């Protein structure tokens, strides 16, 4: 929402994942073995040309864990940046610090990390140490990478008040009050049949995060909800009105400040209204 908002990115992935999430929304890619005889390999120069020809503003590695395309991206990102494209990872953040550094040096300047809740659910369902994800979020910021945090709220897994508060505390400690935090709605998928996330639970998470002092908190996967919008944290002015990922209207000044009080909003890149 604060990284080239409203723009179009050429988005791609490979098969598999490094997390075993039983609720995976892209399980048809992440939970099936690839068939090497039907593989569709796209050379890095062709990927860049596809993005340029399609009038995309950048490249985004998503759908499954982008770290699986680590070596490919080390070749791709410098070429993409030379053509004026941004380079973004939509990730779970579970990578070594050395890999993160190499990606940033290659040209990755945007990183979304889905933290998947507080410590216990991440260990139980993802077999992972959430401290690694928060460490990488913090280190990425230090390297000048734009970071946003997403927390998919799953009923019965990570939707308790204690768990949401832990996420908010870790967010403040690791990436600070200016880094956007998104609470997104889950829908049943793969091996998980818990009911969809109630909007009221997302709104509760929003209120908790605001109580902790986070300036930019959003609700996701609920198109048209007022908490999709960006508001000035100083005076409350509606600055960016959204419908899903589409920008409906923008009231920011050219230098990305609130027109009412002059508060500067941390947004990287151009804001695209369609």
C-alpha atoms as a PDB file:
ATOM      1  CA  UNK A   1       0.000   0.000   0.000  1.00  0.00           C
ATOM      2  CA  UNK A   2       2.983   2.312   0.477  1.00  0.00           C
ATOM      3  CA  UNK A   3       5.158   0.828  -2.292  1.00  0.00           C
ATOM      4  CA  UNK A   4       4.336   2.043  -5.788  1.00  0.00           C
ATOM      5  CA  UNK A   5       0.656   1.975  -4.769  1.00  0.00           C
ATOM      6  CA  UNK A   6      -1.809   1.242  -7.548  1.00  0.00           C
ATOM      7  CA  UNK A   7       0.909   0.230 -10.002  1.00  0.00           C
ATOM      8  CA  UNK A   8       1.048  -2.968 -12.036  1.00  0.00           C
ATOM      9  CA  UNK A   9       3.913  -5.447 -11.591  1.00  0.00           C
ATOM     10  CA  UNK A  10       4.724  -8.485 -13.700  1.00  0.00           C
ATOM     11  CA  UNK A  11       4.319 -11.184 -11.059  1.00  0.00           C
ATOM     12  CA  UNK A  12       5.736 -14.697 -11.263  1.00  0.00           C
ATOM     13  CA  UNK A  13       6.747 -17.700  -9.173  1.00  0.00           C
ATOM     14  CA  UNK A  14       8.082 -21.213  -9.234  1.00  0.00           C
ATOM     15  CA  UNK A  15       6.794 -24.398  -7.622  1.00  0.00           C
ATOM     16  CA  UNK A  16       6.961 -25.488  -3.973  1.00  0.00           C
ATOM     17  CA  UNK A  17       7.587 -23.526  -0.757  1.00  0.00           C
ATOM     18  CA  UNK A  18       9.760 -23.584   2.361  1.00  0.00           C
ATOM     19  CA  UNK A  19       6.743 -23.448   4.735  1.00  0.00           C
ATOM     20  CA  UNK A  20       4.135 -26.231   5.145  1.00  0.00           C
ATOM     21  CA  UNK A  21       1.157 -23.937   5.923  1.00  0.00           C
ATOM     22  CA  UNK A  22      -1.990 -26.126   5.897  1.00  0.00           C
ATOM     23  CA  UNK A  23      -4.159 -23.146   4.856  1.00  0.00           C
ATOM     24  CA  UNK A  24      -2.056 -22.179   1.812  1.00  0.00           C
ATOM     25  CA  UNK A  25      -4.035 -20.013  -0.580  1.00  0.00           C
ATOM     26  CA  UNK A  26      -1.797 -20.994  -3.504  1.00  0.00           C
ATOM     27  CA  UNK A  27      -1.553 -24.698  -2.714  1.00  0.00           C
ATOM     28  CA  UNK A  28      -1.989 -25.674  -6.390  1.00  0.00           C
ATOM     29  CA  UNK A  29       1.510 -24.238  -6.898  1.00  0.00           C
ATOM     30  CA  UNK A  30       3.165 -24.744  -3.523  1.00  0.00           C
ATOM     31  CA  UNK A  31       2.025 -28.288  -2.672  1.00  0.00           C
ATOM     32  CA  UNK A  32       2.551 -30.148  -5.928  1.00  0.00           C
ATOM     33  CA  UNK A  33       5.781 -31.497  -7.366  1.00  0.00           C
ATOM     34  CA  UNK A  34       6.738 -29.843 -10.642  1.00  0.00           C
ATOM     35  CA  UNK A  35       7.032 -31.847 -13.820  1.00  0.00           C
ATOM     36  CA  UNK A  36      10.487 -31.005 -15.242  1.00  0.00           C
ATOM     37  CA  UNK A  37       9.404 -32.200 -18.682  1.00  0.00           C
ATOM     38  CA  UNK A  38       6.730 -29.513 -18.770  1.00  0.00           C
ATOM     39  CA  UNK A  39       8.740 -26.757 -17.110  1.00  0.00           C
ATOM     40  CA  UNK A  40       8.368 -23.241 -18.495  1.00  0.00           C
ATOM     41  CA  UNK A  41      11.693 -21.505 -18.064  1.00  0.00           C
ATOM     42  CA  UNK A  42      11.793 -17.791 -18.888  1.00  0.00           C
ATOM     43  CA  UNK A  43      15.273 -16.281 -19.283  1.00  0.00           C
ATOM     44  CA  UNK A  44      15.860 -13.119 -17.270  1.00  0.00           C
ATOM     45  CA  UNK A  45      16.173 -10.890 -20.328  1.00  0.00           C
ATOM     46  CA  UNK A  46      12.817 -12.127 -21.635  1.00  0.00           C
ATOM     47  CA  UNK A  47      11.208 -11.558 -18.224  1.00  0.00           C
ATOM     48  CA  UNK A  48      12.347  -7.941 -18.264  1.00  0.00           C
ATOM     49  CA  UNK A  49      11.134  -7.454 -21.826  1.00  0.00           C
ATOM     50  CA  UNK A  50       7.735  -8.920 -20.909  1.00  0.00           C
ATOM     51  CA  UNK A  51       7.444  -6.403 -18.068  1.00  0.00           C
ATOM     52  CA  UNK A  52       8.484  -3.463 -20.241  1.00  0.00           C
ATOM     53  CA  UNK A  53       6.211  -4.467 -23.137  1.00  0.00           C
ATOM     54  CA  UNK A  54       3.282  -4.920 -20.738  1.00  0.00           C
ATOM     55  CA  UNK A  55       3.895  -1.392 -19.390  1.00  0.00           C
ATOM     56  CA  UNK A  56       4.499  -2.727 -15.871  1.00  0.00           C
ATOM     57  CA  UNK A  57       6.263  -0.519 -13.353  1.00  0.00           C
ATOM     58  CA  UNK A  58       8.155  -3.421 -11.808  1.00  0.00           C
ATOM     59  CA  UNK A  59       8.648  -7.099 -11.074  1.00  0.00           C
ATOM     60  CA  UNK A  60       7.178  -8.976  -8.130  1.00  0.00           C
ATOM     61  CA  UNK A  61       8.106 -12.503  -7.070  1.00  0.00           C
ATOM     62  CA  UNK A  62       5.066 -13.958  -5.316  1.00  0.00           C
ATOM     63  CA  UNK A  63       2.418 -16.766  -5.167  1.00  0.00           C
ATOM     64  CA  UNK A  64       4.896 -19.182  -3.534  1.00  0.00           C
ATOM     65  CA  UNK A  65       8.000 -18.338  -1.500  1.00  0.00           C
ATOM     66  CA  UNK A  66      10.231 -16.181  -3.749  1.00  0.00           C
ATOM     67  CA  UNK A  67      13.417 -17.228  -1.942  1.00  0.00           C
ATOM     68  CA  UNK A  68      13.182 -20.442  -3.991  1.00  0.00           C
ATOM     69  CA  UNK A  69      14.085 -18.256  -6.985  1.00  0.00           C
ATOM     70  CA  UNK A  70      17.010 -16.683  -5.130  1.00  0.00           C
ATOM     71  CA  UNK A  71      19.735 -17.321  -7.738  1.00  0.00           C
ATOM     72  CA  UNK A  72      17.416 -16.391 -10.596  1.00  0.00           C
ATOM     73  CA  UNK A  73      16.603 -13.055  -8.938  1.00  0.00           C
ATOM     74  CA  UNK A  74      20.281 -12.259  -8.423  1.00  0.00           C
ATOM     75  CA  UNK A  75      20.582 -12.336 -12.216  1.00  0.00           C
ATOM     76  CA  UNK A  76      17.203 -10.737 -12.913  1.00  0.00           C
ATOM     77  CA  UNK A  77      17.095  -7.747 -10.582  1.00  0.00           C
ATOM     78  CA  UNK A  78      20.164  -5.830 -11.841  1.00  0.00           C
ATOM     79  CA  UNK A  79      18.895  -6.112 -15.408  1.00  0.00           C
ATOM     80  CA  UNK A  80      15.403  -5.023 -14.346  1.00  0.00           C
ATOM     81  CA  UNK A  81      16.722  -2.010 -12.447  1.00  0.00           C
ATOM     82  CA  UNK A  82      18.776  -0.975 -15.482  1.00  0.00           C
ATOM     83  CA  UNK A  83      15.466  -0.744 -17.380  1.00  0.00           C
ATOM     84  CA  UNK A  84      13.813   1.364 -14.659  1.00  0.00           C
ATOM     85  CA  UNK A  85      11.750  -1.412 -13.063  1.00  0.00           C
ATOM     86  CA  UNK A  86      11.274  -1.888  -9.335  1.00  0.00           C
ATOM     87  CA  UNK A  87      11.937  -5.314  -7.795  1.00  0.00           C
ATOM     88  CA  UNK A  88       9.786  -6.733  -5.030  1.00  0.00           C
ATOM     89  CA  UNK A  89       9.593  -9.924  -2.920  1.00  0.00           C
ATOM     90  CA  UNK A  90       6.241 -11.108  -1.515  1.00  0.00           C
ATOM     91  CA  UNK A  91       7.710 -13.417   1.079  1.00  0.00           C
ATOM     92  CA  UNK A  92       7.432 -15.160   4.427  1.00  0.00           C
ATOM     93  CA  UNK A  93      10.804 -13.589   5.273  1.00  0.00           C
ATOM     94  CA  UNK A  94      12.460 -16.922   6.096  1.00  0.00           C
ATOM     95  CA  UNK A  95      15.906 -16.549   4.586  1.00  0.00           C
ATOM     96  CA  UNK A  96      19.456 -16.169   5.796  1.00  0.00           C
ATOM     97  CA  UNK A  97      20.771 -12.683   6.424  1.00  0.00           C
ATOM     98  CA  UNK A  98      23.404 -13.253   3.733  1.00  0.00           C
ATOM     99  CA  UNK A  99      20.702 -14.098   1.172  1.00  0.00           C
ATOM    100  CA  UNK A 100      18.754 -10.981   2.166  1.00  0.00           C
ATOM    101  CA  UNK A 101      21.844  -8.815   1.772  1.00  0.00           C
ATOM    102  CA  UNK A 102      22.614 -10.257  -1.650  1.00  0.00           C
ATOM    103  CA  UNK A 103      19.042  -9.654  -2.833  1.00  0.00           C
ATOM    104  CA  UNK A 104      19.139  -6.042  -1.668  1.00  0.00           C
ATOM    105  CA  UNK A 105      22.489  -5.484  -3.367  1.00  0.00           C
ATOM    106  CA  UNK A 106      21.092  -7.013  -6.567  1.00  0.00           C
ATOM    107  CA  UNK A 107      18.258  -4.479  -6.619  1.00  0.00           C
ATOM    108  CA  UNK A 108      15.380  -5.728  -4.449  1.00  0.00           C
ATOM    109  CA  UNK A 109      13.923  -2.552  -2.914  1.00  0.00           C
ATOM    110  CA  UNK A 110      10.545  -3.841  -1.714  1.00  0.00           C
ATOM    111  CA  UNK A 111       9.830  -6.672   0.736  1.00  0.00           C
ATOM    112  CA  UNK A 112       6.472  -7.820   2.038  1.00  0.00           C
ATOM    113  CA  UNK A 113       6.712 -10.305   4.906  1.00  0.00           C
ATOM    114  CA  UNK A 114       3.736 -12.399   5.998  1.00  0.00           C
ATOM    115  CA  UNK A 115       4.552 -13.146   9.639  1.00  0.00           C
ATOM    116  CA  UNK A 116       1.634 -15.619  10.051  1.00  0.00           C
ATOM    117  CA  UNK A 117       0.953 -14.702  13.652  1.00  0.00           C
ATOM    118  CA  UNK A 118       2.757 -14.881  16.954  1.00  0.00           C
ATOM    119  CA  UNK A 119       5.528 -17.280  17.970  1.00  0.00           C
ATOM    120  CA  UNK A 120       3.574 -20.423  18.968  1.00  0.00           C
ATOM    121  CA  UNK A 121       1.299 -20.789  15.892  1.00  0.00           C
ATOM    122  CA  UNK A 122       4.228 -20.143  13.542  1.00  0.00           C
ATOM    123  CA  UNK A 123       6.242 -22.897  15.237  1.00  0.00           C
ATOM    124  CA  UNK A 124       3.286 -25.304  15.374  1.00  0.00           C
ATOM    125  CA  UNK A 125       1.909 -24.876  11.865  1.00  0.00           C
ATOM    126  CA  UNK A 126       4.920 -23.610   9.889  1.00  0.00           C
ATOM    127  CA  UNK A 127       7.791 -25.342  11.714  1.00  0.00           C
ATOM    128  CA  UNK A 128       9.565 -22.003  11.781  1.00  0.00           C
ATOM    129  CA  UNK A 129      11.121 -19.481  14.163  1.00  0.00           C
ATOM    130  CA  UNK A 130       9.274 -16.181  13.774  1.00  0.00           C
ATOM    131  CA  UNK A 131      12.279 -14.286  15.166  1.00  0.00           C
ATOM    132  CA  UNK A 132      14.063 -14.948  11.857  1.00  0.00           C
ATOM    133  CA  UNK A 133      11.290 -13.155   9.949  1.00  0.00           C
ATOM    134  CA  UNK A 134      11.303 -10.146  12.249  1.00  0.00           C
ATOM    135  CA  UNK A 135      15.112  -9.996  12.140  1.00  0.00           C
ATOM    136  CA  UNK A 136      15.023  -9.900   8.343  1.00  0.00           C
ATOM    137  CA  UNK A 137      12.325  -7.232   8.330  1.00  0.00           C
ATOM    138  CA  UNK A 138      14.482  -5.055  10.568  1.00  0.00           C
ATOM    139  CA  UNK A 139      17.678  -5.682   8.595  1.00  0.00           C
ATOM    140  CA  UNK A 140      15.912  -4.981   5.302  1.00  0.00           C
ATOM    141  CA  UNK A 141      14.820  -1.577   6.590  1.00  0.00           C
ATOM    142  CA  UNK A 142      18.391  -0.854   7.647  1.00  0.00           C
ATOM    143  CA  UNK A 143      19.489  -1.615   4.062  1.00  0.00           C
ATOM    144  CA  UNK A 144      16.997   0.866   2.613  1.00  0.00           C
ATOM    145  CA  UNK A 145      14.451  -1.718   1.453  1.00  0.00           C
ATOM    146  CA  UNK A 146      10.791  -0.741   1.739  1.00  0.00           C
ATOM    147  CA  UNK A 147       9.072  -3.171   4.132  1.00  0.00           C
ATOM    148  CA  UNK A 148       5.429  -3.938   4.839  1.00  0.00           C
ATOM    149  CA  UNK A 149       4.146  -6.607   7.222  1.00  0.00           C
ATOM    150  CA  UNK A 150       1.083  -8.796   6.635  1.00  0.00           C
ATOM    151  CA  UNK A 151      -0.630 -11.002   9.205  1.00  0.00           C
ATOM    152  CA  UNK A 152      -3.267 -13.384   7.857  1.00  0.00           C
ATOM    153  CA  UNK A 153      -5.791 -13.782  10.698  1.00  0.00           C
ATOM    154  CA  UNK A 154      -6.945 -17.422  10.908  1.00  0.00           C
ATOM    155  CA  UNK A 155      -9.768 -18.386  13.302  1.00  0.00           C
ATOM    156  CA  UNK A 156      -8.561 -20.742  16.015  1.00  0.00           C
ATOM    157  CA  UNK A 157      -4.903 -20.332  15.017  1.00  0.00           C
ATOM    158  CA  UNK A 158      -3.637 -16.784  15.548  1.00  0.00           C
ATOM    159  CA  UNK A 159      -6.764 -14.729  16.251  1.00  0.00           C
ATOM    160  CA  UNK A 160      -6.510 -14.426  20.037  1.00  0.00           C
ATOM    161  CA  UNK A 161      -6.019 -10.997  21.555  1.00  0.00           C
ATOM    162  CA  UNK A 162      -2.732 -12.133  23.115  1.00  0.00           C
ATOM    163  CA  UNK A 163      -1.411 -13.305  19.756  1.00  0.00           C
ATOM    164  CA  UNK A 164      -2.398 -10.099  17.976  1.00  0.00           C
ATOM    165  CA  UNK A 165      -0.797  -8.037  20.741  1.00  0.00           C
ATOM    166  CA  UNK A 166       2.425 -10.049  20.408  1.00  0.00           C
ATOM    167  CA  UNK A 167       2.508  -9.310  16.677  1.00  0.00           C
ATOM    168  CA  UNK A 168       2.017  -5.603  17.383  1.00  0.00           C
ATOM    169  CA  UNK A 169       4.787  -5.561  19.986  1.00  0.00           C
ATOM    170  CA  UNK A 170       7.211  -7.363  17.678  1.00  0.00           C
ATOM    171  CA  UNK A 171       6.264  -5.001  14.852  1.00  0.00           C
ATOM    172  CA  UNK A 172       7.066  -1.937  16.940  1.00  0.00           C
ATOM    173  CA  UNK A 173      10.336  -3.393  18.198  1.00  0.00           C
ATOM    174  CA  UNK A 174      11.514  -4.629  14.788  1.00  0.00           C
ATOM    175  CA  UNK A 175      10.269  -2.178  12.167  1.00  0.00           C
ATOM    176  CA  UNK A 176       8.718   0.719  14.075  1.00  0.00           C
ATOM    177  CA  UNK A 177       5.488   2.684  14.007  1.00  0.00           C
ATOM    178  CA  UNK A 178       5.838   3.979  10.422  1.00  0.00           C
ATOM    179  CA  UNK A 179       5.971   0.537   8.741  1.00  0.00           C
ATOM    180  CA  UNK A 180       2.536  -0.549   7.463  1.00  0.00           C
ATOM    181  CA  UNK A 181       0.880  -3.540   9.138  1.00  0.00           C
ATOM    182  CA  UNK A 182      -1.900  -5.370   7.284  1.00  0.00           C
ATOM    183  CA  UNK A 183      -4.409  -7.732   8.880  1.00  0.00           C
ATOM    184  CA  UNK A 184      -5.884  -9.842   6.101  1.00  0.00           C
ATOM    185  CA  UNK A 185      -8.886 -12.152   5.921  1.00  0.00           C
ATOM    186  CA  UNK A 186      -8.338 -15.887   5.525  1.00  0.00           C
ATOM    187  CA  UNK A 187     -10.589 -18.151   3.463  1.00  0.00           C
ATOM    188  CA  UNK A 188     -10.670 -21.976   3.705  1.00  0.00           C
ATOM    189  CA  UNK A 189      -8.111 -23.594   1.413  1.00  0.00           C
ATOM    190  CA  UNK A 190      -5.924 -26.670   1.014  1.00  0.00           C
ATOM    191  CA  UNK A 191      -6.222 -28.758   4.228  1.00  0.00           C
ATOM    192  CA  UNK A 192      -7.814 -26.110   6.436  1.00  0.00           C
ATOM    193  CA  UNK A 193     -11.566 -25.737   6.798  1.00  0.00           C
ATOM    194  CA  UNK A 194     -11.868 -23.158   9.577  1.00  0.00           C
ATOM    195  CA  UNK A 195     -14.529 -20.568   8.691  1.00  0.00           C
ATOM    196  CA  UNK A 196     -13.465 -17.328   6.963  1.00  0.00           C
ATOM    197  CA  UNK A 197     -12.121 -14.591   9.190  1.00  0.00           C
ATOM    198  CA  UNK A 198     -14.956 -12.425  10.551  1.00  0.00           C
ATOM    199  CA  UNK A 199     -14.569  -8.782   9.588  1.00  0.00           C
ATOM    200  CA  UNK A 200     -15.176  -7.933  13.242  1.00  0.00           C
ATOM    201  CA  UNK A 201     -12.001  -9.840  14.181  1.00  0.00           C
ATOM    202  CA  UNK A 202      -9.979  -7.873  11.630  1.00  0.00           C
ATOM    203  CA  UNK A 203     -11.410  -4.647  13.020  1.00  0.00           C
ATOM    204  CA  UNK A 204     -10.457  -5.759  16.535  1.00  0.00           C
ATOM    205  CA  UNK A 205      -6.892  -6.386  15.352  1.00  0.00           C
ATOM    206  CA  UNK A 206      -6.877  -2.940  13.724  1.00  0.00           C
ATOM    207  CA  UNK A 207      -7.930  -1.290  17.003  1.00  0.00           C
ATOM    208  CA  UNK A 208      -5.287  -3.186  18.981  1.00  0.00           C
ATOM    209  CA  UNK A 209      -2.546  -2.101  16.562  1.00  0.00           C
ATOM    210  CA  UNK A 210      -3.664   1.520  16.707  1.00  0.00           C
ATOM    211  CA  UNK A 211      -3.699   1.309  20.494  1.00  0.00           C
ATOM    212  CA  UNK A 212      -0.060   0.193  20.328  1.00  0.00           C
ATOM    213  CA  UNK A 213       0.746   3.348  18.375  1.00  0.00           C
ATOM    214  CA  UNK A 214       1.148   1.973  14.853  1.00  0.00           C
ATOM    215  CA  UNK A 215       0.481   4.755  12.357  1.00  0.00           C
ATOM    216  CA  UNK A 216      -0.447   2.787   9.228  1.00  0.00           C
ATOM    217  CA  UNK A 217      -2.706  -0.200   9.885  1.00  0.00           C
ATOM    218  CA  UNK A 218      -4.798  -1.796   7.165  1.00  0.00           C
ATOM    219  CA  UNK A 219      -7.432  -4.482   6.670  1.00  0.00           C
ATOM    220  CA  UNK A 220      -7.042  -6.659   3.592  1.00  0.00           C
ATOM    221  CA  UNK A 221      -9.151  -9.050   1.497  1.00  0.00           C
ATOM    222  CA  UNK A 222     -12.291  -7.059   2.361  1.00  0.00           C
ATOM    223  CA  UNK A 223     -12.745  -4.805  -0.703  1.00  0.00           C
ATOM    224  CA  UNK A 224     -14.423  -1.494   0.075  1.00  0.00           C
ATOM    225  CA  UNK A 225     -13.702  -1.514   3.823  1.00  0.00           C
ATOM    226  CA  UNK A 226     -12.763   1.952   5.129  1.00  0.00           C
ATOM    227  CA  UNK A 227      -9.619   0.524   6.760  1.00  0.00           C
ATOM    228  CA  UNK A 228      -8.185  -0.131   3.298  1.00  0.00           C
ATOM    229  CA  UNK A 229      -7.660   3.599   3.022  1.00  0.00           C
ATOM    230  CA  UNK A 230      -4.666   5.645   4.113  1.00  0.00           C
ATOM    231  CA  UNK A 231      -5.424   8.325   6.697  1.00  0.00           C
ATOM    232  CA  UNK A 232      -3.127  11.021   8.015  1.00  0.00           C
ATOM    233  CA  UNK A 233      -1.854   9.817  11.426  1.00  0.00           C
ATOM    234  CA  UNK A 234      -1.648  13.436  12.593  1.00  0.00           C
ATOM    235  CA  UNK A 235      -5.063  14.920  11.668  1.00  0.00           C
ATOM    236  CA  UNK A 236      -7.087  11.947  10.373  1.00  0.00           C
ATOM    237  CA  UNK A 237      -7.581  13.305   6.834  1.00  0.00           C
ATOM    238  CA  UNK A 238      -8.436  10.682   4.198  1.00  0.00           C
ATOM    239  CA  UNK A 239      -5.404  10.739   1.905  1.00  0.00           C
ATOM    240  CA  UNK A 240      -5.643   7.642  -0.308  1.00  0.00           C
ATOM    241  CA  UNK A 241      -8.997   6.009  -0.990  1.00  0.00           C
ATOM    242  CA  UNK A 242      -8.794   2.393  -2.180  1.00  0.00           C
ATOM    243  CA  UNK A 243     -10.956  -0.426  -3.408  1.00  0.00           C
ATOM    244  CA  UNK A 244      -8.838  -3.523  -2.938  1.00  0.00           C
ATOM    245  CA  UNK A 245      -5.519  -2.815  -4.665  1.00  0.00           C
ATOM    246  CA  UNK A 246      -6.988  -0.097  -6.879  1.00  0.00           C
ATOM    247  CA  UNK A 247      -6.402   3.550  -5.999  1.00  0.00           C
ATOM    248  CA  UNK A 248      -9.699   5.446  -6.272  1.00  0.00           C
ATOM    249  CA  UNK A 249      -8.480   8.912  -5.304  1.00  0.00           C
ATOM    250  CA  UNK A 250      -5.445  10.674  -3.819  1.00  0.00           C
ATOM    251  CA  UNK A 251      -5.334  13.873  -1.774  1.00  0.00           C
ATOM    252  CA  UNK A 252      -1.618  13.940  -1.055  1.00  0.00           C
ATOM    253  CA  UNK A 253       0.510  16.845  -2.229  1.00  0.00           C
ATOM    254  CA  UNK A 254       3.167  16.228  -4.888  1.00  0.00           C
ATOM    255  CA  UNK A 255       5.771  15.710  -2.169  1.00  0.00           C
ATOM    256  CA  UNK A 256       3.473  13.142  -0.450  1.00  0.00           C
ATOM    257  CA  UNK A 257       2.308  15.289   2.426  1.00  0.00           C
ATOM    258  CA  UNK A 258      -1.116  15.735   3.991  1.00  0.00           C
ATOM    259  CA  UNK A 259      -2.723  18.818   2.401  1.00  0.00           C
ATOM    260  CA  UNK A 260      -4.437  19.716   5.674  1.00  0.00           C
ATOM    261  CA  UNK A 261      -1.587  19.562   8.208  1.00  0.00           C
ATOM    262  CA  UNK A 262       1.565  18.972   6.142  1.00  0.00           C
ATOM    263  CA  UNK A 263       2.416  15.595   7.714  1.00  0.00           C
ATOM    264  CA  UNK A 264       4.790  13.592   5.493  1.00  0.00           C
ATOM    265  CA  UNK A 265       3.523  10.114   4.490  1.00  0.00           C
ATOM    266  CA  UNK A 266       6.208   7.437   3.889  1.00  0.00           C
ATOM    267  CA  UNK A 267       5.404   6.149   0.390  1.00  0.00           C
ATOM    268  CA  UNK A 268       7.967   4.857  -2.081  1.00  0.00           C
ATOM    269  CA  UNK A 269       7.488   5.364  -5.780  1.00  0.00           C
ATOM    270  CA  UNK A 270       4.723   6.784  -7.906  1.00  0.00           C
ATOM    271  CA  UNK A 271       1.052   6.576  -6.880  1.00  0.00           C
ATOM    272  CA  UNK A 272      -0.980   5.282  -9.814  1.00  0.00           C
ATOM    273  CA  UNK A 273      -4.700   6.102 -10.028  1.00  0.00           C
ATOM    274  CA  UNK A 274      -6.663   3.935 -12.478  1.00  0.00           C
END
